[in-house]
Amino acid sequence: MTEREHEVLALATKYDVPINRRHLTVNSTGARVAVDISYIVPVQFLPGWRYPWTFDSSIETWTLNRPSR
């Protein structure tokens, strides 16, 4: 597992997002980082009726190296 994957999974745990490694794709090329997450949570609307709610999220960002002071 890469450092970025570990960071994303730690944040997911902190915010109670029910994902693990198989729900996550991290692509890092140079300064570009892209993260895709997809998972399903069964939500109960009425007694005896559950709906499999799918959550898909993507983010793309660039990192900057800041000089240390």
Protein backbone atom coordinates (compact mmCIF):
# COMPACT_ATOMS: atom_id res chain seq x y z
CA MET A 1 0.00 0.00 0.00
CA THR A 2 1.32 3.43 -0.91
CA GLU A 3 1.62 6.32 1.51
CA ARG A 4 -1.21 8.19 -0.23
CA GLU A 5 -3.52 5.17 -0.03
CA HIS A 6 -2.74 4.88 3.66
CA GLU A 7 -3.54 8.60 4.16
CA VAL A 8 -6.89 8.29 2.35
CA LEU A 9 -7.87 5.20 4.35
CA ALA A 10 -6.89 6.92 7.62
CA LEU A 11 -9.14 9.88 6.73
CA ALA A 12 -11.96 7.50 5.80
CA THR A 13 -11.66 5.84 9.20
CA LYS A 14 -11.62 9.21 10.95
CA TYR A 15 -14.85 10.29 9.22
CA ASP A 16 -16.58 6.88 9.40
CA VAL A 17 -16.52 6.27 5.64
CA PRO A 18 -16.87 2.48 5.21
CA ILE A 19 -14.15 1.77 2.64
CA ASN A 20 -11.12 -0.46 2.41
CA ARG A 21 -8.32 -0.88 -0.14
CA ARG A 22 -10.55 -2.50 -2.79
CA HIS A 23 -12.84 0.58 -2.90
CA LEU A 24 -9.93 2.93 -3.61
CA THR A 25 -7.79 3.86 -6.61
CA VAL A 26 -4.91 6.32 -6.22
CA ASN A 27 -2.87 7.48 -9.21
CA SER A 28 0.13 9.67 -8.58
CA THR A 29 2.29 11.02 -11.39
CA GLY A 30 4.81 13.69 -10.50
CA ALA A 31 2.89 16.51 -8.85
CA ARG A 32 -0.54 15.19 -9.98
CA VAL A 33 -2.59 13.02 -7.60
CA ALA A 34 -5.98 11.49 -8.51
CA VAL A 35 -8.15 9.56 -6.05
CA ASP A 36 -11.28 7.58 -6.96
CA ILE A 37 -13.53 5.98 -4.33
CA SER A 38 -16.63 3.87 -4.91
CA TYR A 39 -18.63 1.99 -2.29
CA ILE A 40 -22.19 0.94 -1.44
CA VAL A 41 -24.02 1.49 1.84
CA PRO A 42 -27.34 -0.28 2.45
CA VAL A 43 -29.79 2.36 3.73
CA GLN A 44 -33.01 1.29 5.42
CA PHE A 45 -35.90 3.59 4.45
CA LEU A 46 -38.82 1.54 5.75
CA PRO A 47 -38.94 -1.54 7.95
CA GLY A 48 -37.90 -4.44 5.76
CA TRP A 49 -36.90 -2.27 2.80
CA ARG A 50 -33.25 -1.46 2.17
CA TYR A 51 -31.79 0.46 -0.72
CA PRO A 52 -28.15 -0.06 -1.81
CA TRP A 53 -26.96 3.55 -2.00
CA THR A 54 -23.87 3.91 -4.20
CA PHE A 55 -21.32 6.60 -3.42
CA ASP A 56 -18.75 7.59 -6.07
CA SER A 57 -16.18 10.28 -5.46
CA SER A 58 -13.21 11.54 -7.46
CA ILE A 59 -10.67 14.23 -6.81
CA GLU A 60 -7.64 15.40 -8.72
CA THR A 61 -5.05 17.80 -7.35
CA TRP A 62 -1.47 18.90 -7.76
CA THR A 63 1.09 19.12 -5.00
CA LEU A 64 3.60 21.89 -4.53
CA ASN A 65 6.94 21.50 -2.84
CA ARG A 66 7.33 24.34 -0.41
CA PRO A 67 10.79 25.30 0.78
CA SER A 68 11.36 24.68 4.48
CA ARG A 69 11.96 27.70 6.67
